[in-house]
Amino acid sequence: MVACFIGHRTITVTDELCERIRTTVLDLIDNQDVDTFLFGSRSQFDELCLKIVTEIKEIRPHIRRIYVRAEYPYISADYEKYLLTFYDKTYMPESIIHAGKAVYIERNRHMIDSSDICIFYFKTSRKQLYYQTCGTQCAYHYAQNASKVIINFHYCHPVNIYLTLQ
């Protein structure tokens, strides 16, 4: 199974949040057969989750970390080698190469479509109930409309995924 991470550019990182993410990721690996994690870029949430998944990879070496690029469809061997010091694979979907300003939205949609479980850090405001105000919100609503299993770490406890997965 595949899971992706999508979240706001800036978040409040706490020890409690880190532990909740770590516990959830381990549970997904051990009990839901998730073995592949997709990451985007440009968000503090992605960076935090990459750090945690990388630590977990030391004890669960079979998992894969994949960086789905939204920039640079063709990269040099040196840049790819650099990226592969953090990830196990990197690619840019063909379908988003000519997306223009919407490239990050299209990349997130590709990640959601490629995933069984979508892990978010999405904080809803009253304004966001009526207007699309950020890319994370667009992705969250896209995942909802695609009937994906969603875990949102903005709340005190992540959504109980077992109700949806079983």
N, C-alpha and C. Protein backbone atom coordinates (compact mmCIF):
# COMPACT_ATOMS: atom_id res chain seq x y z
N MET A 1 0.84 -1.19 0.00
CA MET A 1 0.00 0.00 0.00
C MET A 1 0.88 1.24 0.00
N VAL A 2 0.29 2.33 -0.44
CA VAL A 2 1.01 3.59 -0.60
C VAL A 2 0.32 4.67 0.23
N ALA A 3 1.13 5.52 0.87
CA ALA A 3 0.63 6.69 1.60
C ALA A 3 1.39 7.92 1.14
N CYS A 4 0.71 9.05 1.13
CA CYS A 4 1.38 10.31 0.78
C CYS A 4 1.23 11.31 1.92
N PHE A 5 2.15 12.27 1.94
CA PHE A 5 2.14 13.33 2.95
C PHE A 5 1.92 14.67 2.26
N ILE A 6 0.96 15.45 2.77
CA ILE A 6 0.68 16.79 2.24
C ILE A 6 0.33 17.67 3.43
N GLY A 7 0.95 18.85 3.51
CA GLY A 7 0.64 19.74 4.62
C GLY A 7 1.05 21.17 4.37
N HIS A 8 0.69 22.02 5.31
CA HIS A 8 0.99 23.45 5.21
C HIS A 8 2.49 23.71 5.20
N ARG A 9 2.86 24.83 4.62
CA ARG A 9 4.28 25.22 4.56
C ARG A 9 4.88 25.35 5.95
N THR A 10 4.12 25.95 6.86
CA THR A 10 4.61 26.10 8.23
C THR A 10 3.61 25.44 9.17
N ILE A 11 4.16 24.75 10.16
CA ILE A 11 3.34 24.07 11.15
C ILE A 11 3.98 24.29 12.52
N THR A 12 3.25 23.94 13.55
CA THR A 12 3.80 23.98 14.90
C THR A 12 4.30 22.57 15.23
N VAL A 13 5.62 22.42 15.28
CA VAL A 13 6.22 21.12 15.56
C VAL A 13 6.37 20.96 17.07
N THR A 14 5.79 19.89 17.58
CA THR A 14 5.90 19.58 19.01
C THR A 14 6.36 18.14 19.15
N ASP A 15 6.85 17.80 20.32
CA ASP A 15 7.22 16.41 20.59
C ASP A 15 6.00 15.50 20.45
N GLU A 16 4.84 15.98 20.88
CA GLU A 16 3.62 15.19 20.80
C GLU A 16 3.27 14.90 19.33
N LEU A 17 3.37 15.91 18.46
CA LEU A 17 3.08 15.71 17.05
C LEU A 17 4.05 14.70 16.44
N CYS A 18 5.33 14.84 16.74
CA CYS A 18 6.33 13.90 16.22
C CYS A 18 6.02 12.47 16.65
N GLU A 19 5.65 12.30 17.90
CA GLU A 19 5.35 10.96 18.40
C GLU A 19 4.08 10.40 17.76
N ARG A 20 3.08 11.25 17.55
CA ARG A 20 1.84 10.78 16.90
C ARG A 20 2.12 10.35 15.46
N ILE A 21 2.94 11.11 14.76
CA ILE A 21 3.30 10.74 13.38
C ILE A 21 4.08 9.43 13.39
N ARG A 22 5.08 9.34 14.26
CA ARG A 22 5.91 8.11 14.35
C ARG A 22 5.04 6.89 14.64
N THR A 23 4.16 6.98 15.61
CA THR A 23 3.29 5.87 15.99
C THR A 23 2.36 5.49 14.84
N THR A 24 1.81 6.47 14.18
CA THR A 24 0.89 6.21 13.07
C THR A 24 1.62 5.57 11.89
N VAL A 25 2.79 6.07 11.55
CA VAL A 25 3.55 5.50 10.43
C VAL A 25 3.94 4.05 10.74
N LEU A 26 4.41 3.80 11.94
CA LEU A 26 4.74 2.42 12.31
C LEU A 26 3.51 1.51 12.23
N ASP A 27 2.38 2.01 12.67
CA ASP A 27 1.15 1.23 12.61
C ASP A 27 0.75 0.96 11.16
N LEU A 28 0.88 1.95 10.31
CA LEU A 28 0.55 1.76 8.89
C LEU A 28 1.46 0.70 8.26
N ILE A 29 2.72 0.72 8.62
CA ILE A 29 3.68 -0.26 8.08
C ILE A 29 3.36 -1.65 8.62
N ASP A 30 3.21 -1.76 9.92
CA ASP A 30 3.07 -3.06 10.56
C ASP A 30 1.69 -3.68 10.44
N ASN A 31 0.65 -2.87 10.38
CA ASN A 31 -0.71 -3.41 10.41
C ASN A 31 -1.54 -3.15 9.16
N GLN A 32 -1.10 -2.24 8.31
CA GLN A 32 -1.87 -1.92 7.10
C GLN A 32 -1.06 -2.20 5.82
N ASP A 33 0.12 -2.77 5.97
CA ASP A 33 0.97 -3.13 4.83
C ASP A 33 1.38 -1.95 3.95
N VAL A 34 1.49 -0.78 4.53
CA VAL A 34 2.02 0.36 3.78
C VAL A 34 3.53 0.18 3.69
N ASP A 35 4.06 0.22 2.49
CA ASP A 35 5.50 0.07 2.30
C ASP A 35 6.11 1.18 1.46
N THR A 36 5.26 2.09 0.95
CA THR A 36 5.74 3.17 0.10
C THR A 36 5.15 4.49 0.57
N PHE A 37 6.01 5.50 0.72
CA PHE A 37 5.59 6.82 1.17
C PHE A 37 5.99 7.85 0.13
N LEU A 38 5.01 8.64 -0.32
CA LEU A 38 5.25 9.69 -1.31
C LEU A 38 5.37 11.03 -0.61
N PHE A 39 6.37 11.80 -1.04
CA PHE A 39 6.62 13.12 -0.46
C PHE A 39 6.63 14.17 -1.56
N GLY A 40 6.11 15.32 -1.23
CA GLY A 40 6.24 16.49 -2.09
C GLY A 40 7.37 17.34 -1.56
N SER A 41 7.20 18.64 -1.66
CA SER A 41 8.25 19.54 -1.18
C SER A 41 7.62 20.85 -0.76
N ARG A 42 8.45 21.72 -0.26
CA ARG A 42 8.05 23.07 0.11
C ARG A 42 7.16 23.14 1.34
N SER A 43 7.21 22.14 2.19
CA SER A 43 6.39 22.24 3.39
C SER A 43 7.16 21.69 4.58
N GLN A 44 6.98 22.35 5.68
CA GLN A 44 7.60 21.93 6.93
C GLN A 44 7.05 20.57 7.36
N PHE A 45 5.79 20.31 7.05
CA PHE A 45 5.19 19.02 7.37
C PHE A 45 5.89 17.90 6.60
N ASP A 46 6.12 18.10 5.30
CA ASP A 46 6.83 17.10 4.50
C ASP A 46 8.22 16.83 5.07
N GLU A 47 8.93 17.89 5.42
CA GLU A 47 10.28 17.73 5.98
C GLU A 47 10.25 16.93 7.27
N LEU A 48 9.30 17.24 8.14
CA LEU A 48 9.18 16.52 9.41
C LEU A 48 8.87 15.04 9.16
N CYS A 49 7.92 14.78 8.27
CA CYS A 49 7.53 13.38 8.00
C CYS A 49 8.68 12.62 7.33
N LEU A 50 9.43 13.27 6.45
CA LEU A 50 10.58 12.61 5.83
C LEU A 50 11.60 12.23 6.90
N LYS A 51 11.85 13.12 7.82
CA LYS A 51 12.79 12.83 8.90
C LYS A 51 12.33 11.62 9.71
N ILE A 52 11.06 11.59 10.05
CA ILE A 52 10.52 10.48 10.86
C ILE A 52 10.53 9.17 10.08
N VAL A 53 10.11 9.21 8.83
CA VAL A 53 10.09 7.98 8.02
C VAL A 53 11.52 7.49 7.79
N THR A 54 12.46 8.40 7.62
CA THR A 54 13.87 8.01 7.46
C THR A 54 14.39 7.32 8.72
N GLU A 55 14.03 7.82 9.88
CA GLU A 55 14.42 7.16 11.13
C GLU A 55 13.79 5.76 11.22
N ILE A 56 12.54 5.66 10.82
CA ILE A 56 11.85 4.36 10.86
C ILE A 56 12.46 3.39 9.86
N LYS A 57 12.95 3.89 8.75
CA LYS A 57 13.56 3.03 7.73
C LYS A 57 14.75 2.25 8.28
N GLU A 58 15.40 2.78 9.30
CA GLU A 58 16.52 2.08 9.93
C GLU A 58 16.06 0.77 10.58
N ILE A 59 14.81 0.73 11.06
CA ILE A 59 14.30 -0.49 11.69
C ILE A 59 13.31 -1.24 10.80
N ARG A 60 12.83 -0.60 9.75
CA ARG A 60 11.94 -1.22 8.76
C ARG A 60 12.53 -0.93 7.37
N PRO A 61 13.66 -1.58 7.04
CA PRO A 61 14.41 -1.21 5.82
C PRO A 61 13.68 -1.48 4.51
N HIS A 62 12.58 -2.21 4.54
CA HIS A 62 11.86 -2.52 3.30
C HIS A 62 11.01 -1.36 2.78
N ILE A 63 10.75 -0.33 3.61
CA ILE A 63 9.90 0.77 3.16
C ILE A 63 10.65 1.64 2.16
N ARG A 64 9.87 2.34 1.33
CA ARG A 64 10.45 3.20 0.30
C ARG A 64 9.97 4.62 0.47
N ARG A 65 10.91 5.56 0.31
CA ARG A 65 10.61 6.99 0.35
C ARG A 65 10.76 7.51 -1.07
N ILE A 66 9.70 8.07 -1.62
CA ILE A 66 9.72 8.54 -3.00
C ILE A 66 9.39 10.03 -3.04
N TYR A 67 10.28 10.77 -3.69
CA TYR A 67 10.09 12.21 -3.85
C TYR A 67 9.44 12.46 -5.21
N VAL A 68 8.22 13.00 -5.18
CA VAL A 68 7.50 13.34 -6.40
C VAL A 68 7.76 14.82 -6.68
N ARG A 69 8.61 15.06 -7.68
CA ARG A 69 9.02 16.43 -7.98
C ARG A 69 7.92 17.20 -8.70
N ALA A 70 7.88 18.49 -8.44
CA ALA A 70 6.99 19.40 -9.16
C ALA A 70 7.81 20.35 -10.03
N GLU A 71 9.10 20.23 -9.96
CA GLU A 71 10.01 21.07 -10.74
C GLU A 71 11.08 20.19 -11.36
N TYR A 72 11.68 20.70 -12.40
CA TYR A 72 12.82 20.05 -13.05
C TYR A 72 12.47 18.66 -13.58
N PRO A 73 11.75 18.61 -14.71
CA PRO A 73 11.40 17.30 -15.27
C PRO A 73 12.63 16.47 -15.64
N TYR A 74 13.70 17.13 -16.02
CA TYR A 74 14.93 16.43 -16.37
C TYR A 74 16.02 16.94 -15.46
N ILE A 75 16.62 16.04 -14.70
CA ILE A 75 17.64 16.45 -13.74
C ILE A 75 18.96 15.78 -14.08
N SER A 76 20.02 16.42 -13.65
CA SER A 76 21.36 15.87 -13.88
C SER A 76 21.58 14.65 -12.98
N ALA A 77 22.54 13.86 -13.37
CA ALA A 77 22.89 12.68 -12.56
C ALA A 77 23.37 13.11 -11.18
N ASP A 78 24.09 14.22 -11.11
CA ASP A 78 24.57 14.71 -9.81
C ASP A 78 23.41 15.13 -8.90
N TYR A 79 22.42 15.84 -9.47
CA TYR A 79 21.27 16.26 -8.66
C TYR A 79 20.46 15.05 -8.22
N GLU A 80 20.29 14.09 -9.12
CA GLU A 80 19.57 12.87 -8.75
C GLU A 80 20.30 12.12 -7.64
N LYS A 81 21.62 12.04 -7.76
CA LYS A 81 22.42 11.38 -6.73
C LYS A 81 22.23 12.09 -5.38
N TYR A 82 22.20 13.42 -5.40
CA TYR A 82 21.97 14.19 -4.19
C TYR A 82 20.59 13.87 -3.60
N LEU A 83 19.54 13.89 -4.44
CA LEU A 83 18.19 13.60 -3.94
C LEU A 83 18.10 12.19 -3.37
N LEU A 84 18.83 11.27 -3.96
CA LEU A 84 18.77 9.88 -3.50
C LEU A 84 19.53 9.65 -2.19
N THR A 85 20.16 10.69 -1.67
CA THR A 85 20.71 10.58 -0.31
C THR A 85 19.59 10.73 0.73
N PHE A 86 18.44 11.27 0.30
CA PHE A 86 17.29 11.46 1.19
C PHE A 86 16.14 10.50 0.86
N TYR A 87 16.02 10.16 -0.41
CA TYR A 87 14.91 9.35 -0.90
C TYR A 87 15.44 8.10 -1.57
N ASP A 88 14.54 7.14 -1.79
CA ASP A 88 14.89 5.91 -2.50
C ASP A 88 14.64 6.02 -3.99
N LYS A 89 13.80 6.98 -4.37
CA LYS A 89 13.48 7.19 -5.78
C LYS A 89 12.94 8.61 -5.93
N THR A 90 13.09 9.18 -7.12
CA THR A 90 12.48 10.47 -7.43
C THR A 90 12.00 10.47 -8.86
N TYR A 91 10.90 11.15 -9.10
CA TYR A 91 10.40 11.31 -10.46
C TYR A 91 9.47 12.52 -10.51
N MET A 92 9.25 13.00 -11.74
CA MET A 92 8.25 14.04 -11.97
C MET A 92 7.22 13.44 -12.92
N PRO A 93 5.96 13.41 -12.53
CA PRO A 93 4.93 12.82 -13.39
C PRO A 93 4.84 13.55 -14.73
N GLU A 94 4.78 12.78 -15.80
CA GLU A 94 4.65 13.36 -17.15
C GLU A 94 3.44 14.28 -17.25
N SER A 95 2.38 13.90 -16.56
CA SER A 95 1.12 14.64 -16.67
C SER A 95 1.18 16.06 -16.12
N ILE A 96 2.20 16.41 -15.36
CA ILE A 96 2.25 17.75 -14.77
C ILE A 96 3.32 18.64 -15.38
N ILE A 97 4.06 18.12 -16.34
CA ILE A 97 5.18 18.88 -16.89
C ILE A 97 4.75 20.23 -17.44
N HIS A 98 3.60 20.33 -18.06
CA HIS A 98 3.14 21.59 -18.64
C HIS A 98 2.00 22.22 -17.85
N ALA A 99 1.96 21.97 -16.56
CA ALA A 99 0.87 22.47 -15.72
C ALA A 99 0.99 23.95 -15.37
N GLY A 100 2.14 24.55 -15.61
CA GLY A 100 2.30 25.97 -15.31
C GLY A 100 2.19 26.27 -13.83
N LYS A 101 1.43 27.33 -13.51
CA LYS A 101 1.29 27.75 -12.11
C LYS A 101 0.58 26.72 -11.25
N ALA A 102 -0.16 25.82 -11.88
CA ALA A 102 -0.91 24.81 -11.13
C ALA A 102 -0.08 23.55 -10.86
N VAL A 103 1.23 23.61 -11.10
CA VAL A 103 2.06 22.41 -11.02
C VAL A 103 2.02 21.74 -9.65
N TYR A 104 1.99 22.53 -8.58
CA TYR A 104 1.97 21.92 -7.24
C TYR A 104 0.60 21.29 -6.94
N ILE A 105 -0.46 21.91 -7.41
CA ILE A 105 -1.79 21.33 -7.24
C ILE A 105 -1.89 20.02 -8.02
N GLU A 106 -1.40 20.03 -9.25
CA GLU A 106 -1.43 18.82 -10.07
C GLU A 106 -0.53 17.73 -9.50
N ARG A 107 0.63 18.12 -8.95
CA ARG A 107 1.51 17.14 -8.32
C ARG A 107 0.82 16.49 -7.12
N ASN A 108 0.17 17.32 -6.30
CA ASN A 108 -0.55 16.78 -5.15
C ASN A 108 -1.67 15.85 -5.58
N ARG A 109 -2.37 16.19 -6.63
CA ARG A 109 -3.44 15.31 -7.14
C ARG A 109 -2.85 13.98 -7.60
N HIS A 110 -1.71 14.03 -8.27
CA HIS A 110 -1.05 12.80 -8.70
C HIS A 110 -0.70 11.94 -7.48
N MET A 111 -0.17 12.57 -6.44
CA MET A 111 0.20 11.84 -5.23
C MET A 111 -1.04 11.21 -4.58
N ILE A 112 -2.13 11.95 -4.52
CA ILE A 112 -3.37 11.44 -3.94
C ILE A 112 -3.90 10.27 -4.77
N ASP A 113 -3.93 10.45 -6.08
CA ASP A 113 -4.42 9.38 -6.96
C ASP A 113 -3.57 8.12 -6.85
N SER A 114 -2.29 8.29 -6.54
CA SER A 114 -1.36 7.15 -6.46
C SER A 114 -1.34 6.50 -5.08
N SER A 115 -2.09 7.06 -4.14
CA SER A 115 -2.03 6.61 -2.74
C SER A 115 -3.32 5.93 -2.29
N ASP A 116 -3.16 5.06 -1.32
CA ASP A 116 -4.31 4.45 -0.65
C ASP A 116 -4.71 5.27 0.57
N ILE A 117 -3.71 5.91 1.19
CA ILE A 117 -3.91 6.69 2.42
C ILE A 117 -3.24 8.05 2.23
N CYS A 118 -3.94 9.11 2.61
CA CYS A 118 -3.41 10.47 2.50
C CYS A 118 -3.23 11.03 3.91
N ILE A 119 -2.00 11.40 4.22
CA ILE A 119 -1.67 11.92 5.54
C ILE A 119 -1.48 13.42 5.43
N PHE A 120 -2.32 14.17 6.12
CA PHE A 120 -2.33 15.63 6.01
C PHE A 120 -1.97 16.31 7.32
N TYR A 121 -1.53 17.53 7.18
CA TYR A 121 -1.55 18.51 8.26
C TYR A 121 -2.31 19.67 7.65
N PHE A 122 -3.63 19.69 7.86
CA PHE A 122 -4.50 20.70 7.28
C PHE A 122 -5.32 21.34 8.38
N LYS A 123 -5.10 22.63 8.55
CA LYS A 123 -5.80 23.40 9.56
C LYS A 123 -6.90 24.22 8.86
N THR A 124 -8.14 23.96 9.24
CA THR A 124 -9.27 24.64 8.63
C THR A 124 -9.59 25.91 9.40
N SER A 125 -9.85 26.97 8.65
CA SER A 125 -10.33 28.21 9.26
C SER A 125 -11.74 28.47 8.76
N ARG A 126 -12.43 29.39 9.38
CA ARG A 126 -13.79 29.74 8.96
C ARG A 126 -13.78 30.22 7.51
N LYS A 127 -12.78 31.00 7.15
CA LYS A 127 -12.66 31.51 5.78
C LYS A 127 -12.52 30.36 4.79
N GLN A 128 -11.79 29.30 5.17
CA GLN A 128 -11.55 28.19 4.26
C GLN A 128 -12.79 27.33 4.05
N LEU A 129 -13.82 27.51 4.87
CA LEU A 129 -15.05 26.77 4.65
C LEU A 129 -15.75 27.25 3.38
N TYR A 130 -15.49 28.51 2.98
CA TYR A 130 -16.20 29.10 1.86
C TYR A 130 -15.31 29.35 0.64
N TYR A 131 -14.01 29.51 0.84
CA TYR A 131 -13.11 29.85 -0.25
C TYR A 131 -11.92 28.91 -0.28
N GLN A 132 -11.43 28.61 -1.47
CA GLN A 132 -10.18 27.86 -1.61
C GLN A 132 -9.05 28.85 -1.34
N THR A 133 -8.34 28.68 -0.24
CA THR A 133 -7.33 29.66 0.13
C THR A 133 -5.91 29.12 0.10
N CYS A 134 -5.72 27.82 -0.07
CA CYS A 134 -4.36 27.29 -0.09
C CYS A 134 -4.31 25.95 -0.81
N GLY A 135 -3.12 25.57 -1.22
CA GLY A 135 -2.94 24.32 -1.93
C GLY A 135 -3.27 23.11 -1.08
N THR A 136 -2.97 23.18 0.21
CA THR A 136 -3.27 22.06 1.10
C THR A 136 -4.77 21.84 1.17
N GLN A 137 -5.53 22.92 1.19
CA GLN A 137 -6.99 22.81 1.22
C GLN A 137 -7.49 22.17 -0.08
N CYS A 138 -6.96 22.59 -1.22
CA CYS A 138 -7.36 21.99 -2.50
C CYS A 138 -7.08 20.49 -2.48
N ALA A 139 -5.92 20.12 -1.99
CA ALA A 139 -5.54 18.70 -1.94
C ALA A 139 -6.44 17.94 -0.98
N TYR A 140 -6.73 18.51 0.17
CA TYR A 140 -7.58 17.85 1.16
C TYR A 140 -8.97 17.56 0.58
N HIS A 141 -9.55 18.56 -0.06
CA HIS A 141 -10.88 18.38 -0.65
C HIS A 141 -10.84 17.39 -1.82
N TYR A 142 -9.76 17.42 -2.58
CA TYR A 142 -9.60 16.46 -3.67
C TYR A 142 -9.55 15.03 -3.11
N ALA A 143 -8.81 14.83 -2.03
CA ALA A 143 -8.72 13.50 -1.40
C ALA A 143 -10.09 13.07 -0.86
N GLN A 144 -10.82 14.01 -0.26
CA GLN A 144 -12.16 13.69 0.23
C GLN A 144 -13.06 13.25 -0.92
N ASN A 145 -13.04 14.01 -2.01
CA ASN A 145 -13.89 13.70 -3.15
C ASN A 145 -13.49 12.39 -3.82
N ALA A 146 -12.22 12.01 -3.69
CA ALA A 146 -11.74 10.75 -4.25
C ALA A 146 -11.97 9.59 -3.29
N SER A 147 -12.61 9.86 -2.17
CA SER A 147 -12.92 8.84 -1.15
C SER A 147 -11.67 8.15 -0.63
N LYS A 148 -10.61 8.90 -0.47
CA LYS A 148 -9.37 8.36 0.09
C LYS A 148 -9.46 8.30 1.61
N VAL A 149 -8.72 7.39 2.18
CA VAL A 149 -8.57 7.36 3.63
C VAL A 149 -7.68 8.55 3.99
N ILE A 150 -8.14 9.38 4.92
CA ILE A 150 -7.43 10.61 5.29
C ILE A 150 -7.08 10.57 6.77
N ILE A 151 -5.85 10.89 7.05
CA ILE A 151 -5.40 11.10 8.43
C ILE A 151 -4.96 12.55 8.48
N ASN A 152 -5.56 13.33 9.37
CA ASN A 152 -5.21 14.75 9.48
C ASN A 152 -4.59 14.99 10.85
N PHE A 153 -3.32 15.35 10.86
CA PHE A 153 -2.60 15.54 12.11
C PHE A 153 -2.79 16.91 12.73
N HIS A 154 -3.59 17.76 12.13
CA HIS A 154 -3.83 19.04 12.79
C HIS A 154 -4.66 18.85 14.05
N TYR A 155 -5.54 17.85 14.04
CA TYR A 155 -6.39 17.60 15.19
C TYR A 155 -5.60 16.92 16.30
N CYS A 156 -6.17 16.88 17.47
CA CYS A 156 -5.50 16.30 18.64
C CYS A 156 -5.14 14.83 18.41
N HIS A 157 -6.00 14.09 17.74
CA HIS A 157 -5.74 12.68 17.48
C HIS A 157 -6.02 12.43 16.01
N PRO A 158 -5.17 11.67 15.33
CA PRO A 158 -5.44 11.40 13.92
C PRO A 158 -6.75 10.61 13.77
N VAL A 159 -7.36 10.76 12.60
CA VAL A 159 -8.60 10.05 12.29
C VAL A 159 -8.36 8.56 12.51
N ASN A 160 -9.35 7.88 13.05
CA ASN A 160 -9.24 6.44 13.25
C ASN A 160 -9.35 5.74 11.90
N ILE A 161 -8.23 5.38 11.33
CA ILE A 161 -8.20 4.82 9.98
C ILE A 161 -8.79 3.43 9.93
N TYR A 162 -8.87 2.75 11.04
CA TYR A 162 -9.36 1.37 11.01
C TYR A 162 -10.83 1.30 10.64
N LEU A 163 -11.59 2.31 10.98
CA LEU A 163 -13.00 2.32 10.61
C LEU A 163 -13.15 2.32 9.10
N THR A 164 -12.23 2.98 8.41
CA THR A 164 -12.32 3.11 6.95
C THR A 164 -11.65 1.94 6.25
N LEU A 165 -10.54 1.44 6.80
CA LEU A 165 -9.78 0.41 6.11
C LEU A 165 -10.36 -0.98 6.27
N GLN A 166 -11.05 -1.25 7.34
CA GLN A 166 -11.55 -2.61 7.58
C GLN A 166 -12.85 -2.87 6.85
